[in-house]
């Protein structure tokens, strides 16, 4: 009748339900002792007569009253349905992921290549967040926002899947990319603002110097983690020829000093990823460094349920009243 979530505010009142069996017994004894108002010398002629519907229903009003009393007792005991839950408080971290999509990101020293490996690890990083807003900026010769800051991770992940090399004119404009990331974060009200910049090359384009862009980021309280992607030495790079795809080993050139300087200015950290596993480890370390502090408050709220029980009791009493004054009315 009651679920585990239902409790009574006044459970001691339920002891009054014990009077119901006594009332039934009293009613039975009372009707057993009733003597007829008229006496007959013989009732043999009535033995074969069947009871009318009114006679069969004669006891219904009393039992309606008993049920009403039981329902009223339950209502007075005040059944309550308790709902529990959690309030989550978070300090808030806003993160912008800045991803290099220049043609050199197609090098296959990572599997299947640098860009796809980066997208896979970023996707896993996004899935590991809970309450943080994340945005996505891509760049090569130019830079644009693929997704503004959002907590709709499904939309963000779908936009991440759509990224491919060649969406923008080729080149590597690291300063422009940082500036774009700053624009996404500068108006943020979050207590922690973070940028994760991933590139595999040297700044070769753009009108903004990466160091100057980093100083602007620092002025807005934005921490930048920089990641240089590429193996040590040379990496196989695919070329399309009239006879199909061929590969040529290309020297890996990453301006590590620049990336270290950008991270240093913004109180961030520089990482070097030489393979898929190392890249995954780097994002795992950043994930730990930039975890949102979450405080959980448990609560229980009670919903009163006695209204329905009291209403049901009132309806039963009303039915009893109507029956005793209409169809089951007794004439003295």
Protein backbone atom coordinates (compact mmCIF):
# COMPACT_ATOMS: atom_id res chain seq x y z
CA UNK A 1 0.00 0.00 0.00
CA UNK A 2 2.86 2.34 0.86
CA UNK A 3 6.24 2.51 -0.87
CA UNK A 4 9.53 2.64 1.01
CA UNK A 5 9.67 6.41 0.45
CA UNK A 6 6.45 7.01 2.40
CA UNK A 7 6.78 7.87 6.08
CA UNK A 8 4.28 9.07 8.70
CA UNK A 9 4.71 12.33 10.59
CA UNK A 10 2.50 10.99 13.44
CA UNK A 11 2.93 7.20 13.30
CA UNK A 12 1.54 6.71 16.83
CA UNK A 13 -1.91 7.68 15.55
CA UNK A 14 -2.02 4.47 13.50
CA UNK A 15 -2.63 2.52 16.74
CA UNK A 16 -6.18 3.84 16.56
CA UNK A 17 -6.80 1.46 13.64
CA UNK A 18 -7.12 -1.27 16.27
CA UNK A 19 -10.57 0.03 17.16
CA UNK A 20 -11.88 -1.07 13.73
CA UNK A 21 -12.04 -4.81 14.57
CA UNK A 22 -13.77 -3.95 17.86
CA UNK A 23 -16.33 -1.83 16.03
CA UNK A 24 -17.01 -4.72 13.65
CA UNK A 25 -17.48 -7.10 16.59
CA UNK A 26 -19.75 -4.63 18.39
CA UNK A 27 -21.89 -4.21 15.27
CA UNK A 28 -22.20 -7.96 14.85
CA UNK A 29 -23.22 -8.47 18.48
CA UNK A 30 -25.67 -5.58 18.32
CA UNK A 31 -27.47 -6.94 15.26
CA UNK A 32 -27.55 -10.43 16.71
CA UNK A 33 -29.49 -9.23 19.78
CA UNK A 34 -32.01 -7.14 17.88
CA UNK A 35 -35.57 -8.31 18.55
CA UNK A 36 -38.30 -7.77 15.99
CA UNK A 37 -40.88 -5.08 16.62
CA UNK A 38 -43.63 -7.39 15.45
CA UNK A 39 -44.07 -11.00 16.59
CA UNK A 40 -45.66 -13.74 14.51
CA UNK A 41 -46.95 -17.10 15.66
CA UNK A 42 -45.32 -18.75 12.66
CA UNK A 43 -42.91 -17.59 9.91
CA UNK A 44 -42.89 -20.90 8.03
CA UNK A 45 -44.60 -19.23 5.10
CA UNK A 46 -41.60 -16.87 4.69
CA UNK A 47 -38.88 -19.53 4.71
CA UNK A 48 -38.72 -19.82 0.94
CA UNK A 49 -38.66 -16.07 0.31
CA UNK A 50 -35.34 -14.68 -0.89
CA UNK A 51 -33.81 -11.47 0.49
CA UNK A 52 -34.36 -8.28 -1.43
CA UNK A 53 -31.46 -6.16 -2.73
CA UNK A 54 -32.22 -3.57 -0.06
CA UNK A 55 -31.88 -6.21 2.65
CA UNK A 56 -28.60 -7.44 1.18
CA UNK A 57 -27.19 -3.90 1.20
CA UNK A 58 -28.46 -3.02 4.66
CA UNK A 59 -24.99 -3.25 6.28
CA UNK A 60 -23.17 -1.27 3.57
CA UNK A 61 -23.55 2.18 5.24
CA UNK A 62 -21.92 1.00 8.45
CA UNK A 63 -18.95 -0.54 6.66
CA UNK A 64 -18.59 2.62 4.60
CA UNK A 65 -18.34 4.47 7.89
CA UNK A 66 -15.71 2.03 9.15
CA UNK A 67 -13.59 2.54 6.02
CA UNK A 68 -14.00 6.30 6.35
CA UNK A 69 -12.82 6.18 9.98
CA UNK A 70 -9.78 4.11 8.93
CA UNK A 71 -8.94 6.58 6.17
CA UNK A 72 -9.29 9.52 8.55
CA UNK A 73 -6.92 7.86 11.02
CA UNK A 74 -4.36 7.39 8.25
CA UNK A 75 -4.84 11.02 7.18
CA UNK A 76 -4.29 12.25 10.76
CA UNK A 77 -1.07 10.17 10.86
CA UNK A 78 0.08 12.40 7.93
CA UNK A 79 1.68 10.13 5.31
CA UNK A 80 4.55 11.90 3.53
CA UNK A 81 6.49 11.01 0.43
CA UNK A 82 10.18 11.85 0.79
CA UNK A 83 12.28 12.76 -2.24
CA UNK A 84 16.02 12.95 -1.87
CA UNK A 85 18.58 14.51 -4.17
CA UNK A 86 21.76 16.52 -4.44
CA UNK A 87 22.61 20.13 -5.06
CA UNK A 88 25.94 20.47 -6.85
CA UNK A 89 28.06 23.55 -6.27
CA UNK A 90 30.95 24.20 -8.62
CA UNK A 91 33.61 26.88 -8.79
CA UNK A 92 33.48 26.65 -12.58
CA UNK A 93 36.19 26.20 -15.19
CA UNK A 94 35.91 27.51 -18.74
CA UNK A 95 38.18 25.75 -21.22
CA UNK A 96 38.93 26.60 -24.82
CA UNK A 97 40.62 23.91 -26.90
CA UNK A 98 42.73 25.44 -29.70
CA UNK A 99 43.55 22.88 -32.40
CA UNK A 100 46.00 23.18 -35.29
CA UNK A 101 44.48 21.77 -38.52
CA UNK A 102 47.27 22.70 -40.93
CA UNK A 103 48.31 20.16 -43.57
CA UNK A 104 51.31 19.02 -41.50
CA UNK A 105 48.78 17.56 -39.00
CA UNK A 106 48.18 14.80 -41.58
CA UNK A 107 51.61 13.30 -40.83
CA UNK A 108 51.27 9.66 -39.80
CA UNK A 109 53.74 9.40 -36.96
CA UNK A 110 50.50 9.13 -34.98
CA UNK A 111 47.72 6.67 -35.85
CA UNK A 112 45.89 7.25 -38.09
CA UNK A 113 47.46 10.72 -38.24
CA UNK A 114 48.19 13.63 -35.89
CA UNK A 115 44.87 15.40 -36.45
CA UNK A 116 42.65 12.33 -35.99
CA UNK A 117 44.65 11.22 -32.96
CA UNK A 118 44.25 14.69 -31.42
CA UNK A 119 40.50 14.70 -32.13
CA UNK A 120 40.09 11.30 -30.47
CA UNK A 121 41.95 12.36 -27.32
CA UNK A 122 40.09 15.69 -27.16
CA UNK A 123 36.80 13.79 -27.47
CA UNK A 124 37.74 11.61 -24.49
CA UNK A 125 38.78 14.72 -22.57
CA UNK A 126 35.37 16.31 -23.21
CA UNK A 127 33.58 13.17 -22.02
CA UNK A 128 35.53 13.35 -18.77
CA UNK A 129 34.18 16.81 -17.87
CA UNK A 130 30.94 17.26 -15.96
CA UNK A 131 30.06 20.88 -15.26
CA UNK A 132 32.70 22.88 -17.14
CA UNK A 133 32.03 24.96 -20.23
CA UNK A 134 34.25 24.03 -23.18
CA UNK A 135 34.80 25.82 -26.46
CA UNK A 136 36.67 24.82 -29.61
CA UNK A 137 38.89 27.02 -31.82
CA UNK A 138 40.68 25.74 -34.95
CA UNK A 139 43.47 27.38 -36.89
CA UNK A 140 45.97 27.15 -39.71
CA UNK A 141 46.75 30.38 -41.62
CA UNK A 142 43.61 31.91 -40.09
CA UNK A 143 41.59 30.99 -37.04
CA UNK A 144 37.89 30.70 -36.29
CA UNK A 145 35.61 29.41 -33.56
CA UNK A 146 34.24 25.96 -34.30
CA UNK A 147 32.14 25.98 -31.13
CA UNK A 148 31.68 28.72 -28.48
CA UNK A 149 31.81 27.88 -24.77
CA UNK A 150 29.09 25.37 -23.99
CA UNK A 151 28.07 22.58 -21.62
CA UNK A 152 26.20 20.81 -24.41
CA UNK A 153 28.92 18.24 -24.87
CA UNK A 154 27.01 16.28 -27.52
CA UNK A 155 26.94 19.31 -29.83
CA UNK A 156 30.59 20.01 -29.09
CA UNK A 157 31.63 16.43 -29.88
CA UNK A 158 29.70 16.44 -33.15
CA UNK A 159 31.39 19.67 -34.23
CA UNK A 160 34.74 18.15 -33.28
CA UNK A 161 34.07 15.18 -35.58
CA UNK A 162 33.42 17.54 -38.51
CA UNK A 163 36.91 19.07 -38.32
CA UNK A 164 39.30 18.19 -41.14
CA UNK A 165 42.46 19.63 -42.59
CA UNK A 166 41.88 22.05 -45.45
CA UNK A 167 38.93 23.86 -43.90
CA UNK A 168 41.14 26.97 -43.77
CA UNK A 169 44.00 28.13 -46.00
CA UNK A 170 47.18 26.33 -45.02
CA UNK A 171 49.74 27.84 -42.63
CA UNK A 172 50.39 28.06 -38.88
CA UNK A 173 49.20 31.24 -37.16
CA UNK A 174 49.77 30.44 -33.49
CA UNK A 175 49.45 34.07 -32.33
CA UNK A 176 46.14 34.52 -34.12
CA UNK A 177 44.86 31.28 -32.62
CA UNK A 178 45.76 32.38 -29.08
CA UNK A 179 44.08 35.75 -29.67
CA UNK A 180 40.91 34.00 -30.85
CA UNK A 181 40.98 31.79 -27.76
CA UNK A 182 41.37 34.89 -25.58
CA UNK A 183 38.27 36.41 -27.19
CA UNK A 184 36.30 33.31 -26.25
CA UNK A 185 37.43 33.46 -22.60
CA UNK A 186 38.03 37.12 -21.71
CA UNK A 187 34.39 37.84 -20.76
CA UNK A 188 33.98 34.60 -18.85
CA UNK A 189 32.83 34.87 -15.22
CA UNK A 190 34.42 31.52 -14.34
CA UNK A 191 36.97 31.46 -11.53
CA UNK A 192 39.37 29.51 -13.72
CA UNK A 193 39.95 30.17 -17.43
CA UNK A 194 42.09 27.71 -19.36
CA UNK A 195 43.29 27.34 -22.95
CA UNK A 196 44.77 24.12 -24.37
CA UNK A 197 46.79 24.86 -27.50
CA UNK A 198 47.89 21.94 -29.70
CA UNK A 199 50.18 22.45 -32.70
CA UNK A 200 52.89 20.60 -34.62
CA UNK A 201 54.78 23.46 -36.20
CA UNK A 202 56.35 26.88 -36.17
CA UNK A 203 54.48 30.18 -36.28
CA UNK A 204 54.55 31.09 -39.98
CA UNK A 205 51.45 33.26 -40.46
CA UNK A 206 49.20 35.77 -38.79
CA UNK A 207 49.69 39.38 -37.77
CA UNK A 208 49.76 38.73 -34.02
CA UNK A 209 52.94 37.67 -32.27
CA UNK A 210 52.34 34.55 -30.09
CA UNK A 211 54.25 36.03 -27.13
CA UNK A 212 52.21 39.24 -27.27
CA UNK A 213 49.00 37.19 -27.48
CA UNK A 214 50.14 35.18 -24.45
CA UNK A 215 50.71 38.38 -22.46
CA UNK A 216 47.17 39.51 -23.31
CA UNK A 217 45.87 36.12 -22.18
CA UNK A 218 47.74 36.46 -18.90
CA UNK A 219 46.23 39.93 -18.37
CA UNK A 220 42.78 38.30 -18.53
CA UNK A 221 43.80 35.57 -16.09
CA UNK A 222 43.88 32.84 -18.75
CA UNK A 223 46.24 29.92 -18.24
CA UNK A 224 47.58 28.26 -21.41
CA UNK A 225 48.73 24.65 -21.66
CA UNK A 226 50.71 24.16 -24.87
CA UNK A 227 51.22 20.80 -26.56
CA UNK A 228 53.79 20.15 -29.30
CA UNK A 229 52.73 17.18 -31.43
CA UNK A 230 55.25 15.18 -33.43
CA UNK A 231 57.82 12.43 -33.12
CA UNK A 232 61.52 13.12 -32.71
CA UNK A 233 63.31 13.43 -36.06
CA UNK A 234 61.26 12.72 -39.18
CA UNK A 235 57.65 11.70 -39.78
CA UNK A 236 55.95 10.06 -42.77
CA UNK A 237 53.80 12.55 -44.65
CA UNK A 238 51.29 11.44 -47.34
CA UNK A 239 51.38 12.91 -50.86
CA UNK A 240 48.90 12.40 -53.65
CA UNK A 241 50.52 11.41 -56.96
CA UNK A 242 49.07 10.36 -60.33
CA UNK A 243 49.74 6.78 -59.21
CA UNK A 244 48.02 7.12 -55.82
CA UNK A 245 49.21 8.01 -52.35
CA UNK A 246 52.89 7.93 -51.55
CA UNK A 247 54.84 8.88 -48.46
CA UNK A 248 57.85 11.06 -47.84
CA UNK A 249 59.69 11.50 -44.57
CA UNK A 250 59.51 15.13 -43.49
CA UNK A 251 61.55 16.71 -40.72
CA UNK A 252 59.49 17.46 -37.59
CA UNK A 253 59.86 21.13 -36.71
CA UNK A 254 58.19 22.32 -33.53
CA UNK A 255 59.07 25.68 -31.98
CA UNK A 256 59.30 24.26 -28.46
CA UNK A 257 60.95 27.37 -27.05
CA UNK A 258 58.01 29.48 -28.20
CA UNK A 259 55.46 27.06 -26.77
CA UNK A 260 57.37 26.91 -23.49
CA UNK A 261 57.46 30.72 -23.37
CA UNK A 262 53.71 31.00 -23.99
CA UNK A 263 52.99 28.51 -21.20
CA UNK A 264 55.45 30.24 -18.85
CA UNK A 265 53.92 33.70 -19.38
CA UNK A 266 50.43 32.42 -18.53
CA UNK A 267 51.54 30.17 -15.63
CA UNK A 268 50.66 27.12 -17.66
CA UNK A 269 52.77 24.18 -18.77
CA UNK A 270 54.32 22.87 -21.99
CA UNK A 271 54.07 19.22 -23.06
CA UNK A 272 55.62 17.24 -25.91
CA UNK A 273 53.61 14.39 -27.42
CA UNK A 274 55.59 11.96 -29.57
CA UNK A 275 52.91 9.28 -29.98
CA UNK A 276 49.25 8.50 -29.30
CA UNK A 277 49.81 7.19 -25.78
CA UNK A 278 51.87 10.21 -24.75
CA UNK A 279 49.21 12.56 -26.11
CA UNK A 280 46.55 10.72 -24.11
CA UNK A 281 48.70 10.94 -20.97
CA UNK A 282 49.14 14.69 -21.46
CA UNK A 283 45.41 15.32 -21.69
CA UNK A 284 44.93 13.08 -18.66
CA UNK A 285 47.40 15.22 -16.70
CA UNK A 286 45.70 18.46 -17.80
CA UNK A 287 42.36 16.92 -16.85
CA UNK A 288 43.67 16.36 -13.30
CA UNK A 289 45.20 19.83 -13.08
CA UNK A 290 42.02 21.54 -14.23
CA UNK A 291 39.33 19.58 -12.43
CA UNK A 292 36.29 21.51 -11.24
CA UNK A 293 35.90 21.55 -7.47
CA UNK A 294 32.48 20.13 -6.76
CA UNK A 295 30.67 20.25 -3.44
CA UNK A 296 27.55 18.14 -3.03
CA UNK A 297 24.72 18.98 -0.65
CA UNK A 298 22.19 16.25 0.06
CA UNK A 299 18.59 17.14 0.73
CA UNK A 300 15.25 15.51 1.45
CA UNK A 301 11.91 17.13 0.71
CA UNK A 302 8.57 15.87 2.00
CA UNK A 303 5.32 15.95 0.07
CA UNK A 304 2.13 15.67 2.14
CA UNK A 305 -0.15 12.83 1.05
CA UNK A 306 -2.94 13.07 3.64
CA UNK A 307 -5.18 15.17 1.37
CA UNK A 308 -6.20 12.22 -0.76
CA UNK A 309 -6.88 10.02 2.27
CA UNK A 310 -9.05 12.70 3.90
CA UNK A 311 -10.90 13.30 0.63
CA UNK A 312 -11.59 9.57 0.23
CA UNK A 313 -12.96 9.45 3.81
CA UNK A 314 -15.23 12.43 3.11
CA UNK A 315 -16.56 10.77 -0.08
CA UNK A 316 -17.36 7.53 1.80
CA UNK A 317 -19.20 9.43 4.54
CA UNK A 318 -21.12 11.35 1.90
CA UNK A 319 -22.16 8.10 0.18
CA UNK A 320 -23.26 6.67 3.55
CA UNK A 321 -25.31 9.80 4.27
CA UNK A 322 -27.02 9.64 0.87
CA UNK A 323 -27.79 5.91 1.10
CA UNK A 324 -29.30 6.21 4.60
CA UNK A 325 -31.60 8.97 3.45
CA UNK A 326 -32.62 7.52 0.09
CA UNK A 327 -32.48 3.89 -1.04
CA UNK A 328 -31.55 2.36 2.36
CA UNK A 329 -33.67 4.67 4.47
CA UNK A 330 -35.26 2.95 7.45
CA UNK A 331 -38.80 3.79 8.43
CA UNK A 332 -39.49 3.34 12.14
